[in-house]
N, C-alpha and C. Protein backbone atom coordinates (compact mmCIF):
# COMPACT_ATOMS: atom_id res chain seq x y z
N MET A 1 8.27 -0.01 27.35
CA MET A 1 7.87 0.78 26.21
C MET A 1 6.46 1.32 26.45
N ALA A 2 6.27 2.59 26.17
CA ALA A 2 4.98 3.23 26.38
C ALA A 2 4.00 2.81 25.29
N ALA A 3 2.72 2.92 25.60
CA ALA A 3 1.68 2.56 24.64
C ALA A 3 1.60 3.61 23.54
N SER A 4 1.20 3.17 22.36
CA SER A 4 1.08 4.07 21.22
C SER A 4 -0.35 4.57 21.11
N ASN A 5 -0.49 5.87 20.87
CA ASN A 5 -1.79 6.50 20.73
C ASN A 5 -1.88 7.17 19.37
N SER A 6 -3.12 7.41 18.96
CA SER A 6 -3.39 8.11 17.72
C SER A 6 -4.08 9.42 18.05
N VAL A 7 -3.52 10.54 17.57
CA VAL A 7 -4.09 11.86 17.82
C VAL A 7 -4.48 12.46 16.47
N LEU A 8 -5.73 12.95 16.38
CA LEU A 8 -6.24 13.51 15.15
C LEU A 8 -6.59 14.97 15.35
N GLY A 9 -6.03 15.82 14.49
CA GLY A 9 -6.39 17.23 14.47
C GLY A 9 -7.23 17.50 13.24
N LEU A 10 -8.36 18.19 13.40
CA LEU A 10 -9.29 18.44 12.30
C LEU A 10 -9.16 19.89 11.87
N TYR A 11 -8.98 20.11 10.55
CA TYR A 11 -8.77 21.45 9.99
C TYR A 11 -9.77 21.70 8.87
N ASP A 12 -10.08 23.00 8.67
CA ASP A 12 -11.04 23.34 7.63
C ASP A 12 -10.39 23.86 6.36
N THR A 13 -9.09 24.18 6.41
CA THR A 13 -8.40 24.66 5.21
C THR A 13 -7.14 23.83 4.96
N PRO A 14 -6.75 23.69 3.70
CA PRO A 14 -5.53 22.94 3.39
C PRO A 14 -4.27 23.59 3.98
N ASN A 15 -4.25 24.92 4.04
CA ASN A 15 -3.08 25.61 4.58
C ASN A 15 -2.87 25.29 6.06
N ALA A 16 -3.97 25.19 6.80
CA ALA A 16 -3.86 24.85 8.22
C ALA A 16 -3.35 23.43 8.38
N GLY A 17 -3.80 22.51 7.52
CA GLY A 17 -3.31 21.14 7.56
C GLY A 17 -1.83 21.07 7.23
N ALA A 18 -1.40 21.85 6.23
CA ALA A 18 0.02 21.88 5.87
C ALA A 18 0.85 22.49 7.00
N ASP A 19 0.31 23.51 7.68
CA ASP A 19 1.01 24.09 8.83
C ASP A 19 1.18 23.07 9.95
N ALA A 20 0.16 22.25 10.15
CA ALA A 20 0.26 21.19 11.17
C ALA A 20 1.34 20.18 10.80
N MET A 21 1.41 19.83 9.53
CA MET A 21 2.44 18.88 9.08
C MET A 21 3.83 19.47 9.29
N ASP A 22 3.99 20.75 8.94
CA ASP A 22 5.28 21.42 9.15
C ASP A 22 5.63 21.48 10.63
N GLY A 23 4.63 21.76 11.47
CA GLY A 23 4.86 21.83 12.90
C GLY A 23 5.29 20.49 13.48
N LEU A 24 4.69 19.41 12.99
CA LEU A 24 5.07 18.09 13.47
C LEU A 24 6.50 17.73 13.05
N LYS A 25 6.88 18.13 11.82
CA LYS A 25 8.26 17.88 11.37
C LYS A 25 9.25 18.64 12.24
N SER A 26 8.95 19.92 12.49
CA SER A 26 9.88 20.74 13.27
C SER A 26 9.89 20.34 14.74
N ALA A 27 8.83 19.70 15.22
CA ALA A 27 8.80 19.25 16.61
C ALA A 27 9.58 17.95 16.81
N GLY A 28 10.04 17.35 15.71
CA GLY A 28 10.88 16.16 15.83
C GLY A 28 10.15 14.85 15.68
N PHE A 29 8.90 14.86 15.22
CA PHE A 29 8.21 13.60 14.97
C PHE A 29 8.77 12.98 13.69
N GLU A 30 8.99 11.68 13.71
CA GLU A 30 9.60 11.00 12.58
C GLU A 30 8.65 10.94 11.40
N LEU A 31 9.22 11.00 10.18
CA LEU A 31 8.42 10.84 8.98
C LEU A 31 7.79 9.45 8.98
N GLY A 32 6.54 9.37 8.60
CA GLY A 32 5.83 8.11 8.61
C GLY A 32 4.98 7.90 9.85
N THR A 33 5.18 8.73 10.90
CA THR A 33 4.36 8.60 12.11
C THR A 33 3.16 9.54 12.05
N PHE A 34 3.10 10.42 11.08
CA PHE A 34 1.95 11.30 10.92
C PHE A 34 1.54 11.34 9.46
N ASP A 35 0.24 11.56 9.23
CA ASP A 35 -0.28 11.50 7.88
C ASP A 35 -1.49 12.41 7.75
N VAL A 36 -1.90 12.67 6.51
CA VAL A 36 -3.05 13.51 6.21
C VAL A 36 -4.21 12.62 5.80
N LEU A 37 -5.39 12.89 6.34
CA LEU A 37 -6.61 12.20 5.94
C LEU A 37 -7.54 13.23 5.31
N THR A 38 -7.94 12.97 4.07
CA THR A 38 -8.82 13.90 3.39
C THR A 38 -9.69 13.15 2.40
N GLY A 39 -10.89 13.65 2.19
CA GLY A 39 -11.78 13.07 1.20
C GLY A 39 -11.62 13.74 -0.15
N THR A 40 -10.86 14.81 -0.21
CA THR A 40 -10.63 15.54 -1.44
C THR A 40 -9.34 15.05 -2.08
N PRO A 41 -9.32 14.83 -3.38
CA PRO A 41 -8.10 14.30 -4.03
C PRO A 41 -7.04 15.37 -4.24
N TYR A 42 -6.18 15.55 -3.26
CA TYR A 42 -5.03 16.44 -3.40
C TYR A 42 -3.88 15.66 -4.01
N PRO A 43 -2.96 16.33 -4.71
CA PRO A 43 -1.81 15.62 -5.26
C PRO A 43 -0.95 15.02 -4.14
N GLU A 44 -0.28 13.92 -4.46
CA GLU A 44 0.56 13.26 -3.47
C GLU A 44 1.69 14.19 -3.04
N GLY A 45 1.86 14.36 -1.75
CA GLY A 45 2.90 15.22 -1.22
C GLY A 45 2.49 16.68 -1.12
N ALA A 46 1.22 17.02 -1.37
CA ALA A 46 0.77 18.41 -1.35
C ALA A 46 0.88 19.02 0.04
N PHE A 47 0.79 18.21 1.08
CA PHE A 47 0.87 18.72 2.45
C PHE A 47 2.26 18.52 3.04
N GLY A 48 3.17 18.02 2.24
CA GLY A 48 4.52 17.77 2.75
C GLY A 48 4.62 16.46 3.50
N GLU A 49 3.65 15.56 3.28
CA GLU A 49 3.66 14.29 3.98
C GLU A 49 4.69 13.33 3.37
N TYR A 50 5.02 12.34 4.13
CA TYR A 50 5.97 11.31 3.70
C TYR A 50 5.27 10.40 2.69
N VAL A 51 5.86 10.26 1.52
CA VAL A 51 5.30 9.40 0.48
C VAL A 51 6.16 8.14 0.41
N PRO A 52 5.66 7.02 0.93
CA PRO A 52 6.49 5.81 0.92
C PRO A 52 6.66 5.27 -0.50
N GLN A 53 7.83 4.70 -0.75
CA GLN A 53 8.10 4.09 -2.05
C GLN A 53 7.48 2.70 -2.09
N HIS A 54 6.76 2.41 -3.13
CA HIS A 54 6.13 1.10 -3.23
C HIS A 54 7.03 0.15 -4.02
N ARG A 55 6.77 -1.14 -3.83
CA ARG A 55 7.49 -2.18 -4.54
C ARG A 55 6.51 -3.05 -5.31
N LEU A 56 5.42 -2.46 -5.76
CA LEU A 56 4.38 -3.23 -6.41
C LEU A 56 4.85 -3.84 -7.73
N PHE A 57 5.76 -3.18 -8.42
CA PHE A 57 6.21 -3.67 -9.71
C PHE A 57 6.92 -5.02 -9.62
N ARG A 58 7.39 -5.39 -8.45
CA ARG A 58 8.09 -6.67 -8.30
C ARG A 58 7.12 -7.85 -8.28
N PHE A 59 5.92 -7.65 -7.79
CA PHE A 59 4.96 -8.74 -7.64
C PHE A 59 4.56 -9.35 -8.98
N PRO A 60 4.15 -8.56 -10.00
CA PRO A 60 3.78 -9.18 -11.27
C PRO A 60 4.95 -9.88 -11.95
N PHE A 61 6.13 -9.32 -11.83
CA PHE A 61 7.30 -9.96 -12.43
C PHE A 61 7.55 -11.32 -11.80
N PHE A 62 7.50 -11.38 -10.47
CA PHE A 62 7.71 -12.65 -9.78
C PHE A 62 6.60 -13.64 -10.14
N GLY A 63 5.35 -13.17 -10.19
CA GLY A 63 4.24 -14.04 -10.55
C GLY A 63 4.36 -14.57 -11.97
N ALA A 64 4.82 -13.72 -12.90
CA ALA A 64 4.99 -14.15 -14.28
C ALA A 64 6.10 -15.20 -14.38
N MET A 65 7.17 -15.02 -13.63
CA MET A 65 8.26 -16.00 -13.66
C MET A 65 7.80 -17.35 -13.09
N VAL A 66 7.03 -17.32 -12.02
CA VAL A 66 6.50 -18.55 -11.45
C VAL A 66 5.54 -19.20 -12.45
N GLY A 67 4.69 -18.41 -13.10
CA GLY A 67 3.72 -18.93 -14.06
C GLY A 67 4.37 -19.59 -15.25
N ILE A 68 5.36 -18.94 -15.84
CA ILE A 68 6.00 -19.53 -17.02
C ILE A 68 6.81 -20.77 -16.66
N THR A 69 7.40 -20.77 -15.45
CA THR A 69 8.13 -21.96 -15.00
C THR A 69 7.18 -23.14 -14.82
N LEU A 70 6.04 -22.90 -14.17
CA LEU A 70 5.06 -23.97 -14.00
C LEU A 70 4.51 -24.45 -15.33
N ALA A 71 4.28 -23.52 -16.26
CA ALA A 71 3.75 -23.90 -17.57
C ALA A 71 4.72 -24.81 -18.31
N ILE A 72 5.99 -24.47 -18.28
CA ILE A 72 6.98 -25.30 -18.97
C ILE A 72 7.09 -26.66 -18.29
N LEU A 73 7.09 -26.66 -16.97
CA LEU A 73 7.14 -27.94 -16.25
C LEU A 73 5.92 -28.80 -16.53
N PHE A 74 4.73 -28.20 -16.51
CA PHE A 74 3.51 -28.98 -16.75
C PHE A 74 3.47 -29.53 -18.18
N THR A 75 3.70 -28.67 -19.16
CA THR A 75 3.56 -29.11 -20.55
C THR A 75 4.67 -30.09 -20.94
N ALA A 76 5.90 -29.75 -20.60
CA ALA A 76 7.00 -30.66 -20.94
C ALA A 76 6.89 -31.95 -20.15
N GLY A 77 6.53 -31.86 -18.89
CA GLY A 77 6.39 -33.06 -18.06
C GLY A 77 5.29 -33.97 -18.56
N THR A 78 4.16 -33.40 -18.98
CA THR A 78 3.05 -34.21 -19.49
C THR A 78 3.44 -34.89 -20.80
N GLN A 79 4.09 -34.15 -21.70
CA GLN A 79 4.47 -34.72 -22.98
C GLN A 79 5.56 -35.78 -22.85
N LEU A 80 6.44 -35.60 -21.87
CA LEU A 80 7.48 -36.61 -21.66
C LEU A 80 6.95 -37.81 -20.88
N ALA A 81 5.98 -37.61 -20.01
CA ALA A 81 5.41 -38.73 -19.25
C ALA A 81 4.52 -39.61 -20.12
N TYR A 82 3.83 -38.99 -21.08
CA TYR A 82 2.96 -39.73 -21.99
C TYR A 82 3.38 -39.44 -23.43
N PRO A 83 4.50 -40.01 -23.89
CA PRO A 83 4.98 -39.70 -25.25
C PRO A 83 4.07 -40.30 -26.33
N VAL A 84 3.62 -39.43 -27.21
CA VAL A 84 2.82 -39.86 -28.35
C VAL A 84 3.57 -39.42 -29.61
N ILE A 85 4.17 -40.37 -30.27
CA ILE A 85 4.94 -40.06 -31.48
C ILE A 85 4.02 -40.24 -32.67
N THR A 86 3.76 -39.15 -33.38
CA THR A 86 2.89 -39.20 -34.55
C THR A 86 3.64 -38.68 -35.76
N GLY A 87 3.80 -39.52 -36.73
CA GLY A 87 4.40 -39.12 -38.01
C GLY A 87 5.83 -38.64 -37.89
N GLY A 88 6.57 -39.11 -36.92
CA GLY A 88 7.97 -38.73 -36.78
C GLY A 88 8.19 -37.33 -36.21
N LYS A 89 7.13 -36.70 -35.69
CA LYS A 89 7.26 -35.36 -35.10
C LYS A 89 7.92 -35.49 -33.73
N PRO A 90 8.55 -34.40 -33.25
CA PRO A 90 9.18 -34.47 -31.93
C PRO A 90 8.14 -34.63 -30.82
N ILE A 91 8.59 -35.19 -29.70
CA ILE A 91 7.68 -35.42 -28.58
C ILE A 91 7.21 -34.09 -27.98
N LEU A 92 8.12 -33.14 -27.83
CA LEU A 92 7.77 -31.83 -27.27
C LEU A 92 7.28 -30.91 -28.38
N ALA A 93 5.98 -30.59 -28.36
CA ALA A 93 5.39 -29.69 -29.35
C ALA A 93 5.49 -28.27 -28.81
N VAL A 94 6.49 -27.54 -29.28
CA VAL A 94 6.79 -26.22 -28.72
C VAL A 94 5.66 -25.24 -28.95
N PHE A 95 5.04 -25.23 -30.11
CA PHE A 95 4.00 -24.24 -30.39
C PHE A 95 2.76 -24.47 -29.53
N ALA A 96 2.45 -25.70 -29.22
CA ALA A 96 1.34 -25.99 -28.31
C ALA A 96 1.71 -25.58 -26.88
N MET A 97 2.97 -25.72 -26.54
CA MET A 97 3.44 -25.32 -25.21
C MET A 97 3.38 -23.80 -25.02
N LEU A 98 3.56 -23.04 -26.10
CA LEU A 98 3.57 -21.58 -26.00
C LEU A 98 2.22 -21.03 -25.54
N ILE A 99 1.14 -21.64 -25.99
CA ILE A 99 -0.19 -21.17 -25.60
C ILE A 99 -0.38 -21.34 -24.10
N ILE A 100 -0.06 -22.52 -23.59
CA ILE A 100 -0.18 -22.78 -22.16
C ILE A 100 0.78 -21.88 -21.38
N ALA A 101 1.98 -21.68 -21.89
CA ALA A 101 2.96 -20.83 -21.21
C ALA A 101 2.47 -19.39 -21.12
N TYR A 102 1.87 -18.89 -22.20
CA TYR A 102 1.33 -17.53 -22.19
C TYR A 102 0.22 -17.40 -21.14
N GLU A 103 -0.71 -18.33 -21.15
CA GLU A 103 -1.85 -18.26 -20.23
C GLU A 103 -1.41 -18.34 -18.77
N LEU A 104 -0.51 -19.26 -18.45
CA LEU A 104 -0.07 -19.38 -17.05
C LEU A 104 0.82 -18.21 -16.64
N THR A 105 1.54 -17.63 -17.59
CA THR A 105 2.33 -16.44 -17.27
C THR A 105 1.41 -15.28 -16.90
N MET A 106 0.36 -15.08 -17.68
CA MET A 106 -0.59 -14.00 -17.38
C MET A 106 -1.33 -14.27 -16.08
N LEU A 107 -1.73 -15.52 -15.87
CA LEU A 107 -2.43 -15.86 -14.64
C LEU A 107 -1.55 -15.61 -13.42
N GLY A 108 -0.29 -16.01 -13.49
CA GLY A 108 0.63 -15.78 -12.39
C GLY A 108 0.84 -14.30 -12.12
N ALA A 109 0.97 -13.51 -13.20
CA ALA A 109 1.19 -12.07 -13.03
C ALA A 109 -0.04 -11.40 -12.41
N VAL A 110 -1.23 -11.78 -12.84
CA VAL A 110 -2.46 -11.15 -12.33
C VAL A 110 -2.67 -11.52 -10.86
N VAL A 111 -2.53 -12.79 -10.53
CA VAL A 111 -2.72 -13.21 -9.14
C VAL A 111 -1.69 -12.55 -8.23
N ALA A 112 -0.44 -12.50 -8.67
CA ALA A 112 0.60 -11.86 -7.86
C ALA A 112 0.36 -10.36 -7.72
N THR A 113 -0.20 -9.73 -8.75
CA THR A 113 -0.51 -8.30 -8.66
C THR A 113 -1.59 -8.04 -7.62
N VAL A 114 -2.62 -8.87 -7.59
CA VAL A 114 -3.69 -8.71 -6.59
C VAL A 114 -3.11 -8.90 -5.19
N VAL A 115 -2.29 -9.93 -5.01
CA VAL A 115 -1.64 -10.15 -3.71
C VAL A 115 -0.75 -8.96 -3.36
N GLY A 116 -0.03 -8.44 -4.34
CA GLY A 116 0.85 -7.29 -4.11
C GLY A 116 0.09 -6.04 -3.72
N ILE A 117 -1.06 -5.81 -4.33
CA ILE A 117 -1.87 -4.64 -3.98
C ILE A 117 -2.36 -4.75 -2.54
N ILE A 118 -2.79 -5.94 -2.15
CA ILE A 118 -3.24 -6.14 -0.77
C ILE A 118 -2.07 -5.94 0.19
N PHE A 119 -0.92 -6.47 -0.16
CA PHE A 119 0.26 -6.37 0.70
C PHE A 119 0.76 -4.92 0.79
N GLU A 120 0.87 -4.24 -0.34
CA GLU A 120 1.37 -2.86 -0.36
C GLU A 120 0.38 -1.88 0.26
N SER A 121 -0.90 -2.21 0.26
CA SER A 121 -1.91 -1.36 0.89
C SER A 121 -1.98 -1.60 2.39
N ARG A 122 -1.22 -2.55 2.87
CA ARG A 122 -1.17 -2.91 4.29
C ARG A 122 -2.55 -3.29 4.82
N LEU A 123 -3.22 -4.13 4.05
CA LEU A 123 -4.54 -4.60 4.44
C LEU A 123 -4.43 -5.97 5.07
N PRO A 124 -5.23 -6.34 6.01
CA PRO A 124 -6.19 -5.52 6.71
C PRO A 124 -5.50 -4.68 7.79
N ASN A 125 -6.02 -3.51 8.02
CA ASN A 125 -5.49 -2.62 9.05
C ASN A 125 -6.33 -2.80 10.31
N LEU A 126 -5.79 -3.51 11.27
CA LEU A 126 -6.54 -3.79 12.50
C LEU A 126 -6.48 -2.64 13.50
N ASN A 127 -5.48 -1.75 13.37
CA ASN A 127 -5.36 -0.59 14.25
C ASN A 127 -5.91 0.62 13.52
N LEU A 128 -7.19 0.92 13.72
CA LEU A 128 -7.82 1.98 12.95
C LEU A 128 -7.40 3.37 13.38
N GLY A 129 -7.14 3.60 14.64
CA GLY A 129 -6.71 4.91 15.10
C GLY A 129 -7.86 5.90 15.15
N ALA A 130 -7.53 7.17 15.33
CA ALA A 130 -8.53 8.23 15.45
C ALA A 130 -9.08 8.60 14.08
N TYR A 131 -10.38 8.90 14.04
CA TYR A 131 -11.03 9.28 12.79
C TYR A 131 -12.25 10.14 13.10
N ASP A 132 -12.61 10.99 12.17
CA ASP A 132 -13.79 11.83 12.28
C ASP A 132 -14.53 11.77 10.95
N THR A 133 -15.85 11.59 11.00
CA THR A 133 -16.63 11.47 9.76
C THR A 133 -16.67 12.76 8.96
N ARG A 134 -16.34 13.88 9.57
CA ARG A 134 -16.35 15.15 8.84
C ARG A 134 -15.23 15.23 7.80
N ILE A 135 -14.27 14.31 7.87
CA ILE A 135 -13.19 14.29 6.87
C ILE A 135 -13.78 14.03 5.50
N THR A 136 -14.82 13.20 5.41
CA THR A 136 -15.46 12.94 4.12
C THR A 136 -16.30 14.11 3.63
N GLU A 137 -16.54 15.08 4.48
CA GLU A 137 -17.33 16.26 4.10
C GLU A 137 -16.45 17.43 3.67
N GLY A 138 -15.15 17.23 3.59
CA GLY A 138 -14.27 18.29 3.11
C GLY A 138 -13.25 18.77 4.12
N TYR A 139 -13.37 18.36 5.36
CA TYR A 139 -12.37 18.74 6.36
C TYR A 139 -11.09 17.94 6.15
N ILE A 140 -10.02 18.43 6.71
CA ILE A 140 -8.72 17.77 6.58
C ILE A 140 -8.27 17.31 7.96
N GLY A 141 -7.89 16.06 8.04
CA GLY A 141 -7.42 15.51 9.30
C GLY A 141 -5.93 15.24 9.24
N VAL A 142 -5.23 15.59 10.30
CA VAL A 142 -3.82 15.26 10.44
C VAL A 142 -3.73 14.31 11.63
N VAL A 143 -3.30 13.09 11.37
CA VAL A 143 -3.24 12.07 12.41
C VAL A 143 -1.79 11.76 12.75
N VAL A 144 -1.51 11.65 14.04
CA VAL A 144 -0.15 11.40 14.53
C VAL A 144 -0.18 10.14 15.40
N GLU A 145 0.73 9.22 15.13
CA GLU A 145 0.93 8.04 15.99
C GLU A 145 2.10 8.36 16.90
N CYS A 146 1.85 8.40 18.21
CA CYS A 146 2.93 8.76 19.13
C CYS A 146 2.79 7.97 20.43
N GLU A 147 3.85 7.97 21.19
CA GLU A 147 3.87 7.30 22.49
C GLU A 147 3.18 8.20 23.52
N ASP A 148 2.88 7.63 24.68
CA ASP A 148 2.19 8.38 25.74
C ASP A 148 2.97 9.62 26.19
N ASP A 149 4.30 9.50 26.22
CA ASP A 149 5.10 10.63 26.71
C ASP A 149 5.12 11.81 25.74
N ARG A 150 4.76 11.61 24.47
CA ARG A 150 4.75 12.71 23.49
C ARG A 150 3.33 13.11 23.11
N LEU A 151 2.36 12.59 23.82
CA LEU A 151 0.95 12.84 23.48
C LEU A 151 0.60 14.31 23.62
N GLU A 152 0.97 14.92 24.72
CA GLU A 152 0.65 16.34 24.93
C GLU A 152 1.40 17.25 23.96
N GLU A 153 2.62 16.85 23.61
CA GLU A 153 3.38 17.63 22.63
C GLU A 153 2.68 17.61 21.27
N ALA A 154 2.19 16.44 20.85
CA ALA A 154 1.48 16.32 19.58
C ALA A 154 0.19 17.14 19.61
N ARG A 155 -0.55 17.06 20.72
CA ARG A 155 -1.77 17.84 20.84
C ARG A 155 -1.46 19.35 20.77
N GLY A 156 -0.36 19.76 21.39
CA GLY A 156 0.02 21.17 21.36
C GLY A 156 0.36 21.65 19.97
N VAL A 157 1.09 20.83 19.21
CA VAL A 157 1.45 21.20 17.83
C VAL A 157 0.21 21.31 16.97
N LEU A 158 -0.71 20.36 17.11
CA LEU A 158 -1.94 20.40 16.31
C LEU A 158 -2.80 21.60 16.70
N GLN A 159 -2.85 21.92 17.99
CA GLN A 159 -3.63 23.07 18.44
C GLN A 159 -3.01 24.38 17.95
N THR A 160 -1.67 24.46 17.97
CA THR A 160 -0.99 25.66 17.51
C THR A 160 -1.27 25.94 16.03
N ALA A 161 -1.41 24.86 15.23
CA ALA A 161 -1.66 25.03 13.80
C ALA A 161 -3.11 25.43 13.52
N GLY A 162 -3.95 25.47 14.54
CA GLY A 162 -5.32 25.94 14.35
C GLY A 162 -6.34 24.84 14.22
N ALA A 163 -6.16 23.75 14.92
CA ALA A 163 -7.12 22.63 14.83
C ALA A 163 -8.48 23.04 15.36
N LEU A 164 -9.53 22.68 14.65
CA LEU A 164 -10.89 22.93 15.12
C LEU A 164 -11.25 22.00 16.26
N GLU A 165 -10.75 20.77 16.16
CA GLU A 165 -11.02 19.77 17.20
C GLU A 165 -9.87 18.78 17.19
N ILE A 166 -9.56 18.24 18.38
CA ILE A 166 -8.50 17.24 18.51
C ILE A 166 -9.09 16.02 19.19
N LYS A 167 -8.90 14.86 18.57
CA LYS A 167 -9.40 13.60 19.11
C LYS A 167 -8.23 12.68 19.37
N THR A 168 -8.39 11.84 20.39
CA THR A 168 -7.37 10.85 20.73
C THR A 168 -8.00 9.47 20.74
N ALA A 169 -7.29 8.50 20.17
CA ALA A 169 -7.79 7.11 20.18
C ALA A 169 -6.76 6.23 20.84
């Protein structure tokens, strides 16, 4: 298997960046292997890039289910392990259990959401790839992850779209 490289084309207009994205699609590069880097907040999909579907909504739900399960186990287990019968009331005080259940449900949902954000953001990213600091100054970067055998093809597509500069990492 050939080594993977990162190729960055730097553009000064959004139309040139979109042309580069179209050129990469028509050249047969798979969706998800190329992306747009910009410091300007463009709408998602404005350049025709691949927008991955997230699964973040599952993390808080799972965390809440774990939290409420632990809360019920802790409160019911404690009350059953140390039964204190006062005035003929039941051993399990449901209304007192609800407060603990609410708090642990929220705690589980919040912690799972933070973990989910880190996971869905694919952090930490140890493979930084090609980058140019001028992207934060308003330039648009189109970065392509490709194998060695397609490196020149990617550079050609980026150059054809009007890249001001092409970097390889």
